[in-house]
PDB file of N, CA and C in Angstrom:
ATOM      1  N   MET A   1     159.396  53.088-110.595  1.00  0.00           N
ATOM      2  CA  MET A   1     161.006  52.918-110.707  1.00  0.00           C
ATOM      3  C   MET A   1     161.176  51.783-111.554  1.00  0.00           C
ATOM      4  N   SER A   2     160.356  51.164-111.925  1.00  0.00           N
ATOM      5  CA  SER A   2     160.439  49.964-113.003  1.00  0.00           C
ATOM      6  C   SER A   2     160.825  50.402-114.302  1.00  0.00           C
ATOM      7  N   ASP A   3     160.305  51.533-114.828  1.00  0.00           N
ATOM      8  CA  ASP A   3     160.544  52.064-116.032  1.00  0.00           C
ATOM      9  C   ASP A   3     161.877  52.655-116.274  1.00  0.00           C
ATOM     10  N   LEU A   4     162.979  52.720-115.193  1.00  0.00           N
ATOM     11  CA  LEU A   4     164.029  53.198-115.514  1.00  0.00           C
ATOM     12  C   LEU A   4     164.832  52.132-115.936  1.00  0.00           C
ATOM     13  N   GLU A   5     166.131  52.406-116.484  1.00  0.00           N
ATOM     14  CA  GLU A   5     166.777  51.423-117.253  1.00  0.00           C
ATOM     15  C   GLU A   5     168.342  51.179-116.680  1.00  0.00           C
ATOM     16  N   TYR A   6     168.766  49.936-116.482  1.00  0.00           N
ATOM     17  CA  TYR A   6     169.981  49.762-115.981  1.00  0.00           C
ATOM     18  C   TYR A   6     170.653  48.727-116.883  1.00  0.00           C
ATOM     19  N   PRO A   7     171.624  49.371-117.736  1.00  0.00           N
ATOM     20  CA  PRO A   7     172.181  48.568-118.650  1.00  0.00           C
ATOM     21  C   PRO A   7     173.097  46.937-118.106  1.00  0.00           C
ATOM     22  N   GLY A   8     173.028  45.793-118.538  1.00  0.00           N
ATOM     23  CA  GLY A   8     173.651  44.797-118.034  1.00  0.00           C
ATOM     24  C   GLY A   8     174.926  44.927-118.054  1.00  0.00           C
ATOM     25  N   ASP A   9     175.617  45.586-119.386  1.00  0.00           N
ATOM     26  CA  ASP A   9     177.357  45.595-119.385  1.00  0.00           C
ATOM     27  C   ASP A   9     177.971  46.457-118.520  1.00  0.00           C
ATOM     28  N   LEU A  10     177.292  46.737-117.596  1.00  0.00           N
ATOM     29  CA  LEU A  10     177.960  47.915-116.849  1.00  0.00           C
ATOM     30  C   LEU A  10     177.978  47.339-115.167  1.00  0.00           C
ATOM     31  N   ARG A  11     178.795  47.943-114.551  1.00  0.00           N
ATOM     32  CA  ARG A  11     178.862  47.868-112.695  1.00  0.00           C
ATOM     33  C   ARG A  11     178.511  48.931-112.191  1.00  0.00           C
ATOM     34  N   TYR A  12     177.952  48.736-111.034  1.00  0.00           N
ATOM     35  CA  TYR A  12     177.176  49.940-110.300  1.00  0.00           C
ATOM     36  C   TYR A  12     178.074  49.563-108.839  1.00  0.00           C
ATOM     37  N   THR A  13     177.657  50.967-108.366  1.00  0.00           N
ATOM     38  CA  THR A  13     178.023  51.033-106.719  1.00  0.00           C
ATOM     39  C   THR A  13     177.078  51.454-105.993  1.00  0.00           C
ATOM     40  N   THR A  14     176.890  51.185-104.850  1.00  0.00           N
ATOM     41  CA  THR A  14     175.886  51.439-103.679  1.00  0.00           C
ATOM     42  C   THR A  14     175.538  53.052-103.616  1.00  0.00           C
ATOM     43  N   ASP A  15     176.418  53.925-104.210  1.00  0.00           N
ATOM     44  CA  ASP A  15     176.130  54.946-104.361  1.00  0.00           C
ATOM     45  C   ASP A  15     175.572  55.948-105.631  1.00  0.00           C
ATOM     46  N   HIS A  16     175.188  54.695-106.290  1.00  0.00           N
ATOM     47  CA  HIS A  16     174.426  54.941-107.672  1.00  0.00           C
ATOM     48  C   HIS A  16     175.265  55.375-108.604  1.00  0.00           C
ATOM     49  N   GLU A  17     176.757  55.119-108.826  1.00  0.00           N
ATOM     50  CA  GLU A  17     177.572  55.351-109.761  1.00  0.00           C
ATOM     51  C   GLU A  17     177.557  54.110-110.753  1.00  0.00           C
ATOM     52  N   TRP A  18     177.595  54.290-112.173  1.00  0.00           N
ATOM     53  CA  TRP A  18     177.766  53.209-113.010  1.00  0.00           C
ATOM     54  C   TRP A  18     179.607  53.037-113.503  1.00  0.00           C
ATOM     55  N   VAL A  19     179.867  51.934-113.929  1.00  0.00           N
ATOM     56  CA  VAL A  19     181.055  52.142-114.397  1.00  0.00           C
ATOM     57  C   VAL A  19     181.204  51.094-115.878  1.00  0.00           C
ATOM     58  N   LYS A  20     181.913  51.397-116.764  1.00  0.00           N
ATOM     59  CA  LYS A  20     181.962  50.674-117.859  1.00  0.00           C
ATOM     60  C   LYS A  20     183.481  50.437-118.124  1.00  0.00           C
ATOM     61  N   ASP A  21     183.636  49.461-118.281  1.00  0.00           N
ATOM     62  CA  ASP A  21     185.148  48.974-118.654  1.00  0.00           C
ATOM     63  C   ASP A  21     185.515  49.520-120.456  1.00  0.00           C
ATOM     64  N   GLN A  22     186.459  50.409-120.386  1.00  0.00           N
ATOM     65  CA  GLN A  22     186.422  50.911-121.778  1.00  0.00           C
ATOM     66  C   GLN A  22     187.984  50.128-122.256  1.00  0.00           C
ATOM     67  N   GLY A  23     188.533  49.318-121.488  1.00  0.00           N
ATOM     68  CA  GLY A  23     189.660  48.558-121.714  1.00  0.00           C
ATOM     69  C   GLY A  23     190.996  49.179-121.566  1.00  0.00           C
ATOM     70  N   ASP A  24     191.767  48.205-121.244  1.00  0.00           N
ATOM     71  CA  ASP A  24     193.373  48.640-120.950  1.00  0.00           C
ATOM     72  C   ASP A  24     193.135  49.568-119.862  1.00  0.00           C
ATOM     73  N   GLY A  25     192.656  49.034-118.876  1.00  0.00           N
ATOM     74  CA  GLY A  25     192.314  49.287-117.367  1.00  0.00           C
ATOM     75  C   GLY A  25     191.812  51.002-117.062  1.00  0.00           C
ATOM     76  N   VAL A  26     191.081  51.307-118.118  1.00  0.00           N
ATOM     77  CA  VAL A  26     190.333  52.451-118.304  1.00  0.00           C
ATOM     78  C   VAL A  26     188.893  52.241-117.967  1.00  0.00           C
ATOM     79  N   VAL A  27     188.250  52.975-117.076  1.00  0.00           N
ATOM     80  CA  VAL A  27     186.645  52.547-117.029  1.00  0.00           C
ATOM     81  C   VAL A  27     186.047  54.177-117.211  1.00  0.00           C
ATOM     82  N   ARG A  28     184.729  54.336-117.570  1.00  0.00           N
ATOM     83  CA  ARG A  28     183.821  55.558-117.821  1.00  0.00           C
ATOM     84  C   ARG A  28     183.066  55.413-116.534  1.00  0.00           C
ATOM     85  N   VAL A  29     182.608  56.643-116.144  1.00  0.00           N
ATOM     86  CA  VAL A  29     181.842  56.909-115.032  1.00  0.00           C
ATOM     87  C   VAL A  29     180.848  57.594-114.767  1.00  0.00           C
ATOM     88  N   GLY A  30     179.678  57.578-114.453  1.00  0.00           N
ATOM     89  CA  GLY A  30     178.570  58.198-114.600  1.00  0.00           C
ATOM     90  C   GLY A  30     177.382  57.926-113.575  1.00  0.00           C
ATOM     91  N   ILE A  31     176.388  58.565-113.375  1.00  0.00           N
ATOM     92  CA  ILE A  31     175.608  58.005-112.387  1.00  0.00           C
ATOM     93  C   ILE A  31     174.267  57.419-112.953  1.00  0.00           C
ATOM     94  N   SER A  32     173.554  56.595-111.947  1.00  0.00           N
ATOM     95  CA  SER A  32     172.597  55.736-112.570  1.00  0.00           C
ATOM     96  C   SER A  32     171.316  56.373-113.197  1.00  0.00           C
ATOM     97  N   ALA A  33     170.426  55.985-113.640  1.00  0.00           N
ATOM     98  CA  ALA A  33     169.046  56.407-113.903  1.00  0.00           C
ATOM     99  C   ALA A  33     168.298  56.642-112.454  1.00  0.00           C
ATOM    100  N   PHE A  34     168.435  55.779-111.546  1.00  0.00           N
ATOM    101  CA  PHE A  34     167.762  55.849-110.415  1.00  0.00           C
ATOM    102  C   PHE A  34     168.142  57.404-109.558  1.00  0.00           C
ATOM    103  N   ALA A  35     169.758  57.267-109.710  1.00  0.00           N
ATOM    104  CA  ALA A  35     170.127  58.896-109.244  1.00  0.00           C
ATOM    105  C   ALA A  35     169.538  60.129-110.010  1.00  0.00           C
ATOM    106  N   GLN A  36     169.833  59.875-111.236  1.00  0.00           N
ATOM    107  CA  GLN A  36     169.132  61.130-111.852  1.00  0.00           C
ATOM    108  C   GLN A  36     167.852  61.363-111.648  1.00  0.00           C
ATOM    109  N   ASP A  37     167.166  60.149-111.567  1.00  0.00           N
ATOM    110  CA  ASP A  37     165.603  60.475-111.429  1.00  0.00           C
ATOM    111  C   ASP A  37     165.341  60.991-110.266  1.00  0.00           C
ATOM    112  N   ALA A  38     166.095  60.444-108.936  1.00  0.00           N
ATOM    113  CA  ALA A  38     165.895  60.954-107.899  1.00  0.00           C
ATOM    114  C   ALA A  38     166.585  62.524-107.559  1.00  0.00           C
ATOM    115  N   LEU A  39     167.498  63.020-108.379  1.00  0.00           N
ATOM    116  CA  LEU A  39     167.847  64.442-107.989  1.00  0.00           C
ATOM    117  C   LEU A  39     167.037  65.360-108.744  1.00  0.00           C
ATOM    118  N   GLY A  40     166.288  65.093-109.942  1.00  0.00           N
ATOM    119  CA  GLY A  40     165.524  65.995-110.618  1.00  0.00           C
ATOM    120  C   GLY A  40     166.381  66.608-111.710  1.00  0.00           C
ATOM    121  N   ASP A  41     165.899  67.679-112.340  1.00  0.00           N
ATOM    122  CA  ASP A  41     166.519  68.401-113.352  1.00  0.00           C
ATOM    123  C   ASP A  41     168.538  68.985-112.762  1.00  0.00           C
ATOM    124  N   VAL A  42     169.279  68.243-113.525  1.00  0.00           N
ATOM    125  CA  VAL A  42     170.593  68.740-113.322  1.00  0.00           C
ATOM    126  C   VAL A  42     170.739  69.890-113.833  1.00  0.00           C
ATOM    127  N   VAL A  43     171.380  70.802-113.141  1.00  0.00           N
ATOM    128  CA  VAL A  43     171.537  71.993-113.948  1.00  0.00           C
ATOM    129  C   VAL A  43     173.038  72.351-113.724  1.00  0.00           C
ATOM    130  N   TYR A  44     173.846  71.748-113.084  1.00  0.00           N
ATOM    131  CA  TYR A  44     175.155  72.106-112.722  1.00  0.00           C
ATOM    132  C   TYR A  44     176.120  70.851-112.299  1.00  0.00           C
ATOM    133  N   VAL A  45     177.191  70.533-113.018  1.00  0.00           N
ATOM    134  CA  VAL A  45     178.056  69.599-112.507  1.00  0.00           C
ATOM    135  C   VAL A  45     179.504  69.726-112.354  1.00  0.00           C
ATOM    136  N   SER A  46     180.111  69.326-111.205  1.00  0.00           N
ATOM    137  CA  SER A  46     181.218  69.665-110.856  1.00  0.00           C
ATOM    138  C   SER A  46     182.296  68.390-110.544  1.00  0.00           C
ATOM    139  N   LEU A  47     183.146  68.216-111.634  1.00  0.00           N
ATOM    140  CA  LEU A  47     183.992  67.143-112.170  1.00  0.00           C
ATOM    141  C   LEU A  47     185.370  67.086-111.473  1.00  0.00           C
ATOM    142  N   PRO A  48     185.796  66.168-111.257  1.00  0.00           N
ATOM    143  CA  PRO A  48     187.418  66.285-110.741  1.00  0.00           C
ATOM    144  C   PRO A  48     188.296  66.542-111.951  1.00  0.00           C
ATOM    145  N   GLY A  49     189.511  67.073-111.927  1.00  0.00           N
ATOM    146  CA  GLY A  49     190.267  67.572-112.891  1.00  0.00           C
ATOM    147  C   GLY A  49     191.170  66.312-113.481  1.00  0.00           C
ATOM    148  N   VAL A  50     191.274  66.381-115.014  1.00  0.00           N
ATOM    149  CA  VAL A  50     192.225  65.781-115.696  1.00  0.00           C
ATOM    150  C   VAL A  50     193.719  65.464-114.840  1.00  0.00           C
ATOM    151  N   GLY A  51     194.079  64.188-114.524  1.00  0.00           N
ATOM    152  CA  GLY A  51     195.287  63.971-113.918  1.00  0.00           C
ATOM    153  C   GLY A  51     195.141  63.986-112.359  1.00  0.00           C
ATOM    154  N   ASP A  52     193.931  64.380-111.564  1.00  0.00           N
ATOM    155  CA  ASP A  52     193.537  64.172-110.108  1.00  0.00           C
ATOM    156  C   ASP A  52     193.563  62.798-110.076  1.00  0.00           C
ATOM    157  N   THR A  53     193.997  62.341-108.813  1.00  0.00           N
ATOM    158  CA  THR A  53     194.080  61.037-108.286  1.00  0.00           C
ATOM    159  C   THR A  53     192.792  60.935-107.374  1.00  0.00           C
ATOM    160  N   VAL A  54     191.914  59.893-107.488  1.00  0.00           N
ATOM    161  CA  VAL A  54     190.979  59.649-106.715  1.00  0.00           C
ATOM    162  C   VAL A  54     191.097  58.588-105.841  1.00  0.00           C
ATOM    163  N   ASP A  55     190.401  58.437-104.560  1.00  0.00           N
ATOM    164  CA  ASP A  55     190.361  57.213-103.830  1.00  0.00           C
ATOM    165  C   ASP A  55     189.121  56.495-103.845  1.00  0.00           C
ATOM    166  N   ALA A  56     188.949  55.105-103.905  1.00  0.00           N
ATOM    167  CA  ALA A  56     187.600  54.521-104.162  1.00  0.00           C
ATOM    168  C   ALA A  56     186.924  55.057-102.650  1.00  0.00           C
ATOM    169  N   GLY A  57     185.653  55.747-103.153  1.00  0.00           N
ATOM    170  CA  GLY A  57     184.578  55.948-101.863  1.00  0.00           C
ATOM    171  C   GLY A  57     184.985  57.290-101.781  1.00  0.00           C
ATOM    172  N   GLY A  58     185.820  57.831-102.100  1.00  0.00           N
ATOM    173  CA  GLY A  58     186.077  59.465-101.888  1.00  0.00           C
ATOM    174  C   GLY A  58     185.099  60.429-102.803  1.00  0.00           C
ATOM    175  N   SER A  59     184.893  61.262-102.353  1.00  0.00           N
ATOM    176  CA  SER A  59     184.294  62.467-102.715  1.00  0.00           C
ATOM    177  C   SER A  59     184.836  62.976-104.041  1.00  0.00           C
ATOM    178  N   CYS A  60     184.411  63.270-105.053  1.00  0.00           N
ATOM    179  CA  CYS A  60     185.338  64.048-106.431  1.00  0.00           C
ATOM    180  C   CYS A  60     184.602  64.753-107.103  1.00  0.00           C
ATOM    181  N   GLY A  61     183.502  65.333-106.624  1.00  0.00           N
ATOM    182  CA  GLY A  61     182.554  66.258-107.567  1.00  0.00           C
ATOM    183  C   GLY A  61     181.240  66.512-106.778  1.00  0.00           C
ATOM    184  N   GLU A  62     180.624  67.234-107.527  1.00  0.00           N
ATOM    185  CA  GLU A  62     179.165  67.574-107.315  1.00  0.00           C
ATOM    186  C   GLU A  62     178.145  67.411-108.376  1.00  0.00           C
ATOM    187  N   VAL A  63     176.999  66.970-108.297  1.00  0.00           N
ATOM    188  CA  VAL A  63     175.841  67.407-108.780  1.00  0.00           C
ATOM    189  C   VAL A  63     174.818  68.158-108.083  1.00  0.00           C
ATOM    190  N   GLU A  64     174.799  69.362-109.004  1.00  0.00           N
ATOM    191  CA  GLU A  64     173.533  69.932-108.529  1.00  0.00           C
ATOM    192  C   GLU A  64     172.262  70.116-109.388  1.00  0.00           C
ATOM    193  N   SER A  65     171.111  70.109-108.716  1.00  0.00           N
ATOM    194  CA  SER A  65     169.897  70.094-109.746  1.00  0.00           C
ATOM    195  C   SER A  65     169.033  70.717-109.045  1.00  0.00           C
ATOM    196  N   THR A  66     167.864  70.925-109.453  1.00  0.00           N
ATOM    197  CA  THR A  66     166.681  71.887-108.792  1.00  0.00           C
ATOM    198  C   THR A  66     166.243  71.578-107.530  1.00  0.00           C
ATOM    199  N   LYS A  67     166.551  70.323-107.092  1.00  0.00           N
ATOM    200  CA  LYS A  67     166.097  70.022-105.764  1.00  0.00           C
ATOM    201  C   LYS A  67     167.278  70.079-104.602  1.00  0.00           C
ATOM    202  N   SER A  68     168.399  69.654-105.052  1.00  0.00           N
ATOM    203  CA  SER A  68     169.490  69.512-104.095  1.00  0.00           C
ATOM    204  C   SER A  68     171.078  69.413-104.805  1.00  0.00           C
ATOM    205  N   VAL A  69     172.041  69.444-103.816  1.00  0.00           N
ATOM    206  CA  VAL A  69     173.533  69.209-104.272  1.00  0.00           C
ATOM    207  C   VAL A  69     173.789  68.013-103.712  1.00  0.00           C
ATOM    208  N   SER A  70     174.384  66.913-104.510  1.00  0.00           N
ATOM    209  CA  SER A  70     175.033  65.663-104.176  1.00  0.00           C
ATOM    210  C   SER A  70     176.299  65.656-104.525  1.00  0.00           C
ATOM    211  N   ASP A  71     176.864  65.128-103.568  1.00  0.00           N
ATOM    212  CA  ASP A  71     178.438  64.640-103.769  1.00  0.00           C
ATOM    213  C   ASP A  71     178.394  63.499-105.078  1.00  0.00           C
ATOM    214  N   LEU A  72     179.639  63.476-105.458  1.00  0.00           N
ATOM    215  CA  LEU A  72     179.667  62.379-106.809  1.00  0.00           C
ATOM    216  C   LEU A  72     181.259  61.604-105.763  1.00  0.00           C
ATOM    217  N   TYR A  73     180.887  60.128-105.908  1.00  0.00           N
ATOM    218  CA  TYR A  73     181.877  59.194-105.124  1.00  0.00           C
ATOM    219  C   TYR A  73     182.507  58.615-106.334  1.00  0.00           C
ATOM    220  N   ALA A  74     184.001  58.496-106.148  1.00  0.00           N
ATOM    221  CA  ALA A  74     184.658  57.827-107.169  1.00  0.00           C
ATOM    222  C   ALA A  74     184.552  56.238-106.619  1.00  0.00           C
ATOM    223  N   PRO A  75     184.061  55.357-107.659  1.00  0.00           N
ATOM    224  CA  PRO A  75     183.601  54.098-107.561  1.00  0.00           C
ATOM    225  C   PRO A  75     184.955  53.240-107.271  1.00  0.00           C
ATOM    226  N   LEU A  76     186.095  53.655-107.756  1.00  0.00           N
ATOM    227  CA  LEU A  76     187.271  52.867-107.593  1.00  0.00           C
ATOM    228  C   LEU A  76     188.505  53.988-107.530  1.00  0.00           C
ATOM    229  N   ALA A  77     189.584  53.714-106.964  1.00  0.00           N
ATOM    230  CA  ALA A  77     190.648  54.406-107.080  1.00  0.00           C
ATOM    231  C   ALA A  77     191.448  54.387-108.496  1.00  0.00           C
ATOM    232  N   GLY A  78     192.201  55.851-108.525  1.00  0.00           N
ATOM    233  CA  GLY A  78     192.741  55.973-109.956  1.00  0.00           C
ATOM    234  C   GLY A  78     193.093  57.220-110.464  1.00  0.00           C
ATOM    235  N   GLU A  79     193.471  57.473-111.498  1.00  0.00           N
ATOM    236  CA  GLU A  79     193.774  58.630-112.148  1.00  0.00           C
ATOM    237  C   GLU A  79     192.710  59.243-113.037  1.00  0.00           C
ATOM    238  N   VAL A  80     192.180  60.514-112.948  1.00  0.00           N
ATOM    239  CA  VAL A  80     191.067  60.900-114.073  1.00  0.00           C
ATOM    240  C   VAL A  80     192.152  61.052-115.451  1.00  0.00           C
ATOM    241  N   THR A  81     191.614  60.588-116.447  1.00  0.00           N
ATOM    242  CA  THR A  81     192.031  60.722-117.658  1.00  0.00           C
ATOM    243  C   THR A  81     191.364  61.579-118.643  1.00  0.00           C
ATOM    244  N   ALA A  82     190.147  61.496-118.452  1.00  0.00           N
ATOM    245  CA  ALA A  82     189.141  62.680-119.019  1.00  0.00           C
ATOM    246  C   ALA A  82     187.931  62.921-118.525  1.00  0.00           C
ATOM    247  N   ILE A  83     187.186  64.250-118.829  1.00  0.00           N
ATOM    248  CA  ILE A  83     185.950  64.670-118.315  1.00  0.00           C
ATOM    249  C   ILE A  83     185.161  64.965-119.524  1.00  0.00           C
ATOM    250  N   ASN A  84     184.029  64.796-119.106  1.00  0.00           N
ATOM    251  CA  ASN A  84     182.927  65.086-120.188  1.00  0.00           C
ATOM    252  C   ASN A  84     182.693  66.736-120.102  1.00  0.00           C
ATOM    253  N   GLU A  85     183.396  67.240-120.970  1.00  0.00           N
ATOM    254  CA  GLU A  85     183.258  68.645-120.947  1.00  0.00           C
ATOM    255  C   GLU A  85     181.916  69.319-121.660  1.00  0.00           C
ATOM    256  N   GLN A  86     181.368  68.365-122.111  1.00  0.00           N
ATOM    257  CA  GLN A  86     179.981  68.637-122.476  1.00  0.00           C
ATOM    258  C   GLN A  86     178.778  69.102-121.536  1.00  0.00           C
ATOM    259  N   LEU A  87     179.336  68.745-120.362  1.00  0.00           N
ATOM    260  CA  LEU A  87     178.418  68.875-118.932  1.00  0.00           C
ATOM    261  C   LEU A  87     178.535  70.307-118.820  1.00  0.00           C
ATOM    262  N   ASP A  88     179.435  71.058-119.238  1.00  0.00           N
ATOM    263  CA  ASP A  88     179.755  72.781-118.548  1.00  0.00           C
ATOM    264  C   ASP A  88     178.315  73.109-119.258  1.00  0.00           C
ATOM    265  N   SER A  89     178.255  73.038-120.447  1.00  0.00           N
ATOM    266  CA  SER A  89     177.296  73.688-121.193  1.00  0.00           C
ATOM    267  C   SER A  89     175.745  73.136-121.148  1.00  0.00           C
ATOM    268  N   THR A  90     175.810  71.699-121.146  1.00  0.00           N
ATOM    269  CA  THR A  90     174.411  71.000-121.252  1.00  0.00           C
ATOM    270  C   THR A  90     174.436  69.799-120.081  1.00  0.00           C
ATOM    271  N   PRO A  91     174.604  70.440-118.807  1.00  0.00           N
ATOM    272  CA  PRO A  91     174.319  69.369-117.848  1.00  0.00           C
ATOM    273  C   PRO A  91     173.293  68.547-117.717  1.00  0.00           C
ATOM    274  N   GLU A  92     172.311  68.773-118.504  1.00  0.00           N
ATOM    275  CA  GLU A  92     170.818  68.003-118.540  1.00  0.00           C
ATOM    276  C   GLU A  92     171.250  66.805-119.212  1.00  0.00           C
ATOM    277  N   LEU A  93     172.160  66.813-119.857  1.00  0.00           N
ATOM    278  CA  LEU A  93     172.358  65.248-120.346  1.00  0.00           C
ATOM    279  C   LEU A  93     172.779  64.165-119.607  1.00  0.00           C
ATOM    280  N   VAL A  94     172.813  64.606-118.242  1.00  0.00           N
ATOM    281  CA  VAL A  94     172.696  63.627-117.154  1.00  0.00           C
ATOM    282  C   VAL A  94     171.662  62.965-117.201  1.00  0.00           C
ATOM    283  N   ASN A  95     170.271  63.658-117.113  1.00  0.00           N
ATOM    284  CA  ASN A  95     169.034  63.340-117.233  1.00  0.00           C
ATOM    285  C   ASN A  95     168.523  62.510-118.542  1.00  0.00           C
ATOM    286  N   SER A  96     168.671  63.272-119.603  1.00  0.00           N
ATOM    287  CA  SER A  96     168.450  62.647-120.763  1.00  0.00           C
ATOM    288  C   SER A  96     169.065  61.453-121.320  1.00  0.00           C
ATOM    289  N   ASP A  97     170.241  61.194-121.082  1.00  0.00           N
ATOM    290  CA  ASP A  97     170.872  60.076-121.617  1.00  0.00           C
ATOM    291  C   ASP A  97     172.044  59.931-120.125  1.00  0.00           C
ATOM    292  N   PRO A  98     171.751  59.108-119.296  1.00  0.00           N
ATOM    293  CA  PRO A  98     172.774  59.030-118.015  1.00  0.00           C
ATOM    294  C   PRO A  98     173.703  58.226-118.495  1.00  0.00           C
ATOM    295  N   TYR A  99     173.394  56.866-119.442  1.00  0.00           N
ATOM    296  CA  TYR A  99     174.698  56.197-119.452  1.00  0.00           C
ATOM    297  C   TYR A  99     175.208  56.341-120.678  1.00  0.00           C
ATOM    298  N   GLY A 100     175.072  57.298-121.588  1.00  0.00           N
ATOM    299  CA  GLY A 100     175.767  57.785-122.982  1.00  0.00           C
ATOM    300  C   GLY A 100     176.107  59.219-122.718  1.00  0.00           C
ATOM    301  N   ASP A 101     175.566  60.084-123.231  1.00  0.00           N
ATOM    302  CA  ASP A 101     175.991  61.758-123.523  1.00  0.00           C
ATOM    303  C   ASP A 101     176.338  62.047-122.221  1.00  0.00           C
ATOM    304  N   GLY A 102     175.734  61.303-121.191  1.00  0.00           N
ATOM    305  CA  GLY A 102     175.844  62.041-119.807  1.00  0.00           C
ATOM    306  C   GLY A 102     176.683  61.437-119.208  1.00  0.00           C
ATOM    307  N   TRP A 103     178.009  60.958-119.490  1.00  0.00           N
ATOM    308  CA  TRP A 103     178.901  60.278-118.693  1.00  0.00           C
ATOM    309  C   TRP A 103     179.491  61.314-118.139  1.00  0.00           C
ATOM    310  N   MET A 104     180.305  60.960-117.114  1.00  0.00           N
ATOM    311  CA  MET A 104     181.290  62.304-116.233  1.00  0.00           C
ATOM    312  C   MET A 104     182.317  62.282-116.416  1.00  0.00           C
ATOM    313  N   TYR A 105     183.138  61.241-116.053  1.00  0.00           N
ATOM    314  CA  TYR A 105     184.573  61.274-116.399  1.00  0.00           C
ATOM    315  C   TYR A 105     185.148  60.016-116.603  1.00  0.00           C
ATOM    316  N   GLU A 106     186.349  59.480-116.821  1.00  0.00           N
ATOM    317  CA  GLU A 106     187.190  58.461-117.197  1.00  0.00           C
ATOM    318  C   GLU A 106     188.403  58.347-116.247  1.00  0.00           C
ATOM    319  N   LEU A 107     188.548  56.730-115.817  1.00  0.00           N
ATOM    320  CA  LEU A 107     189.843  56.554-114.856  1.00  0.00           C
ATOM    321  C   LEU A 107     190.547  55.714-115.368  1.00  0.00           C
ATOM    322  N   LYS A 108     192.039  55.682-114.954  1.00  0.00           N
ATOM    323  CA  LYS A 108     193.075  54.720-115.311  1.00  0.00           C
ATOM    324  C   LYS A 108     193.082  54.445-114.129  1.00  0.00           C
ATOM    325  N   LEU A 109     192.573  52.974-113.948  1.00  0.00           N
ATOM    326  CA  LEU A 109     192.364  52.259-112.435  1.00  0.00           C
ATOM    327  C   LEU A 109     193.888  51.896-111.878  1.00  0.00           C
ATOM    328  N   ALA A 110     193.798  52.322-110.714  1.00  0.00           N
ATOM    329  CA  ALA A 110     194.977  51.913-109.854  1.00  0.00           C
ATOM    330  C   ALA A 110     194.825  50.446-109.872  1.00  0.00           C
ATOM    331  N   ASP A 111     193.993  49.880-109.762  1.00  0.00           N
ATOM    332  CA  ASP A 111     194.053  48.213-109.910  1.00  0.00           C
ATOM    333  C   ASP A 111     192.822  47.515-110.521  1.00  0.00           C
ATOM    334  N   ALA A 112     193.282  47.437-111.922  1.00  0.00           N
ATOM    335  CA  ALA A 112     192.112  46.812-112.694  1.00  0.00           C
ATOM    336  C   ALA A 112     191.421  45.788-112.296  1.00  0.00           C
ATOM    337  N   GLY A 113     191.964  44.971-111.180  1.00  0.00           N
ATOM    338  CA  GLY A 113     191.193  43.706-110.916  1.00  0.00           C
ATOM    339  C   GLY A 113     189.834  44.305-109.851  1.00  0.00           C
ATOM    340  N   ALA A 114     189.891  45.318-109.377  1.00  0.00           N
ATOM    341  CA  ALA A 114     189.050  46.074-108.445  1.00  0.00           C
ATOM    342  C   ALA A 114     187.508  46.356-109.197  1.00  0.00           C
ATOM    343  N   LEU A 115     187.808  46.136-110.559  1.00  0.00           N
ATOM    344  CA  LEU A 115     186.427  46.251-111.015  1.00  0.00           C
ATOM    345  C   LEU A 115     185.478  45.254-111.091  1.00  0.00           C
ATOM    346  N   GLY A 116     185.770  44.043-110.394  1.00  0.00           N
ATOM    347  CA  GLY A 116     184.901  42.855-110.349  1.00  0.00           C
ATOM    348  C   GLY A 116     184.455  42.898-108.965  1.00  0.00           C
ATOM    349  N   ASP A 117     184.816  43.749-108.117  1.00  0.00           N
ATOM    350  CA  ASP A 117     184.211  43.754-106.902  1.00  0.00           C
ATOM    351  C   ASP A 117     183.296  44.797-106.826  1.00  0.00           C
ATOM    352  N   LEU A 118     182.751  45.537-107.772  1.00  0.00           N
ATOM    353  CA  LEU A 118     181.401  46.437-108.133  1.00  0.00           C
ATOM    354  C   LEU A 118     180.153  45.543-108.192  1.00  0.00           C
ATOM    355  N   LEU A 119     179.029  46.009-107.961  1.00  0.00           N
ATOM    356  CA  LEU A 119     177.933  45.102-108.223  1.00  0.00           C
ATOM    357  C   LEU A 119     177.364  45.120-109.707  1.00  0.00           C
ATOM    358  N   ASP A 120     176.917  43.962-110.024  1.00  0.00           N
ATOM    359  CA  ASP A 120     176.543  43.685-111.310  1.00  0.00           C
ATOM    360  C   ASP A 120     175.118  44.226-111.426  1.00  0.00           C
ATOM    361  N   VAL A 121     174.401  44.359-112.484  1.00  0.00           N
ATOM    362  CA  VAL A 121     173.152  44.889-112.782  1.00  0.00           C
ATOM    363  C   VAL A 121     172.172  44.278-111.629  1.00  0.00           C
ATOM    364  N   GLU A 122     172.007  43.009-111.466  1.00  0.00           N
ATOM    365  CA  GLU A 122     170.997  42.316-110.604  1.00  0.00           C
ATOM    366  C   GLU A 122     171.225  42.642-109.255  1.00  0.00           C
ATOM    367  N   GLU A 123     172.683  42.794-108.801  1.00  0.00           N
ATOM    368  CA  GLU A 123     172.935  42.929-107.345  1.00  0.00           C
ATOM    369  C   GLU A 123     172.330  44.491-107.026  1.00  0.00           C
ATOM    370  N   TYR A 124     172.880  45.033-108.105  1.00  0.00           N
ATOM    371  CA  TYR A 124     172.481  46.732-108.149  1.00  0.00           C
ATOM    372  C   TYR A 124     170.882  46.782-107.761  1.00  0.00           C
ATOM    373  N   LYS A 125     170.287  46.198-108.701  1.00  0.00           N
ATOM    374  CA  LYS A 125     168.480  46.457-108.554  1.00  0.00           C
ATOM    375  C   LYS A 125     168.191  46.025-107.285  1.00  0.00           C
ATOM    376  N   ALA A 126     168.507  45.079-106.614  1.00  0.00           N
ATOM    377  CA  ALA A 126     168.274  44.380-105.342  1.00  0.00           C
ATOM    378  C   ALA A 126     168.501  45.616-104.286  1.00  0.00           C
ATOM    379  N   THR A 127     169.433  46.333-104.612  1.00  0.00           N
ATOM    380  CA  THR A 127     169.863  47.421-103.519  1.00  0.00           C
ATOM    381  C   THR A 127     168.631  48.692-103.628  1.00  0.00           C
ATOM    382  N   LEU A 128     168.069  48.748-104.705  1.00  0.00           N
ATOM    383  CA  LEU A 128     166.795  49.584-105.179  1.00  0.00           C
ATOM    384  C   LEU A 128     165.541  49.188-104.345  1.00  0.00           C
ATOM    385  N   SER A 129     165.543  47.940-104.047  1.00  0.00           N
ATOM    386  CA  SER A 129     163.961  47.918-103.519  1.00  0.00           C
ATOM    387  C   SER A 129     163.643  47.733-102.056  1.00  0.00           C
TER     388      SER A 129
END
C-alpha cells in the first residue's frame, strides 16, 4: 500500500473519495488510489447528471470493475456542475490517473465551509492502516 500516492493538496473521505477545491465554491471529486487499487480494473463508471443535487454521504453513482460494483458517495452536498465524459469511453483512466484525468464530477457546494470537515491527507492515511 505504501507505493500508492495521496496528494497533500486534496481532502478525503472515509469512503475513499478525494475532493479538490477548484475555487468559487466548486470542487472536483474522484476516488483515491486506494479505492481504485482495491477495485481492480475499472470497466464502467455511472455518474450523476449535470444539474443533479446530491446529499453528503448519499449514493450518487457506481464504479464497476472486473471484481465488483461499488457505490460512489457524494463527499459533500451540492449541485453537479460537470461530469468527466471521458470516462464513458475510457473508464480505465480511474486506474491510470485517479487524481488527474480519472476525476469523476464537479460540485457547486451547498456550504463551501463544509470542505474543511473532510480529512486531510494524514488523517486519511491513518484510516488505511
